[in-house]
């Protein structure tokens, strides 16, 4: 489900990294360990993420997501190696 929703919103590509996560549960006053996913996408703005986040929140029954913003994306194409 995560992959299908992400592919629909980011058809040019995304990366999904499987991880082990922990979060603090204030009711239990303890950390809870669980399987986690990190999804790497490239968007033009935070506003462009809203439809994807809303659909994921509904599908996965999540109240919030952690979003980490990095600098501007760019691509690099490796050319032919020069011969000496």
Protein backbone atom coordinates (compact mmCIF):
# COMPACT_ATOMS: atom_id res chain seq x y z
CA UNK A 1 0.00 0.00 0.00
CA UNK A 2 2.82 2.46 0.87
CA UNK A 3 4.55 1.79 -2.43
CA UNK A 4 1.38 2.09 -4.52
CA UNK A 5 0.35 5.40 -2.93
CA UNK A 6 3.87 6.81 -3.24
CA UNK A 7 4.17 5.73 -6.89
CA UNK A 8 0.87 7.42 -7.68
CA UNK A 9 2.01 10.75 -6.19
CA UNK A 10 5.65 10.54 -7.33
CA UNK A 11 5.63 8.73 -10.70
CA UNK A 12 9.20 9.83 -11.47
CA UNK A 13 10.49 7.74 -8.58
CA UNK A 14 11.00 7.42 -4.86
CA UNK A 15 13.04 5.26 -2.50
CA UNK A 16 11.59 3.28 0.39
CA UNK A 17 14.12 2.24 3.03
CA UNK A 18 13.20 -0.46 5.54
CA UNK A 19 14.44 0.27 9.05
CA UNK A 20 13.96 -0.51 12.71
CA UNK A 21 12.47 2.44 14.53
CA UNK A 22 11.63 3.56 18.05
CA UNK A 23 9.27 6.18 19.35
CA UNK A 24 8.41 7.41 22.81
CA UNK A 25 4.91 6.53 24.03
CA UNK A 26 4.01 9.12 26.69
CA UNK A 27 1.13 7.00 28.02
CA UNK A 28 3.42 4.03 28.72
CA UNK A 29 6.36 6.31 29.53
CA UNK A 30 8.56 4.01 27.49
CA UNK A 31 10.10 3.65 24.05
CA UNK A 32 8.32 1.32 21.64
CA UNK A 33 10.34 -0.50 18.98
CA UNK A 34 8.79 -1.27 15.62
CA UNK A 35 9.50 -1.78 11.96
CA UNK A 36 9.76 1.57 10.20
CA UNK A 37 10.00 2.94 6.69
CA UNK A 38 11.83 5.98 5.43
CA UNK A 39 10.44 7.27 2.16
CA UNK A 40 12.67 9.55 0.10
CA UNK A 41 10.88 11.74 -2.43
CA UNK A 42 11.63 14.95 -4.27
CA UNK A 43 8.92 17.63 -4.30
CA UNK A 44 8.82 21.24 -5.46
CA UNK A 45 7.40 22.46 -2.13
CA UNK A 46 5.94 21.34 1.18
CA UNK A 47 2.49 22.08 -0.23
CA UNK A 48 3.12 19.47 -2.95
CA UNK A 49 3.51 16.83 -0.20
CA UNK A 50 0.09 17.45 1.35
CA UNK A 51 -2.04 15.16 -0.90
CA UNK A 52 0.46 12.31 -0.50
CA UNK A 53 0.66 12.76 3.29
CA UNK A 54 -3.15 12.91 3.58
CA UNK A 55 -3.63 9.71 1.59
CA UNK A 56 -0.90 7.90 3.53
CA UNK A 57 -2.30 9.06 6.87
CA UNK A 58 -5.73 7.73 5.97
CA UNK A 59 -4.49 4.43 4.52
CA UNK A 60 -2.01 3.71 7.32
CA UNK A 61 -4.11 5.17 10.18
CA UNK A 62 -1.32 7.58 11.12
CA UNK A 63 -1.75 10.83 13.03
CA UNK A 64 1.54 12.38 11.93
CA UNK A 65 4.64 11.94 9.80
CA UNK A 66 8.14 13.26 10.28
CA UNK A 67 9.23 15.28 7.24
CA UNK A 68 12.88 16.20 6.80
CA UNK A 69 13.61 18.90 4.26
CA UNK A 70 16.91 18.89 2.43
CA UNK A 71 18.34 21.37 -0.05
CA UNK A 72 17.43 21.71 -3.69
CA UNK A 73 17.59 18.54 -5.73
CA UNK A 74 19.69 18.30 -8.85
CA UNK A 75 20.78 15.49 -11.12
CA UNK A 76 24.25 14.61 -12.25
CA UNK A 77 24.95 12.67 -15.43
CA UNK A 78 28.25 10.91 -15.64
CA UNK A 79 29.73 11.41 -19.11
CA UNK A 80 32.12 9.27 -21.04
CA UNK A 81 35.48 8.86 -19.46
CA UNK A 82 38.19 10.84 -21.13
CA UNK A 83 41.03 8.86 -22.57
CA UNK A 84 44.55 10.01 -21.77
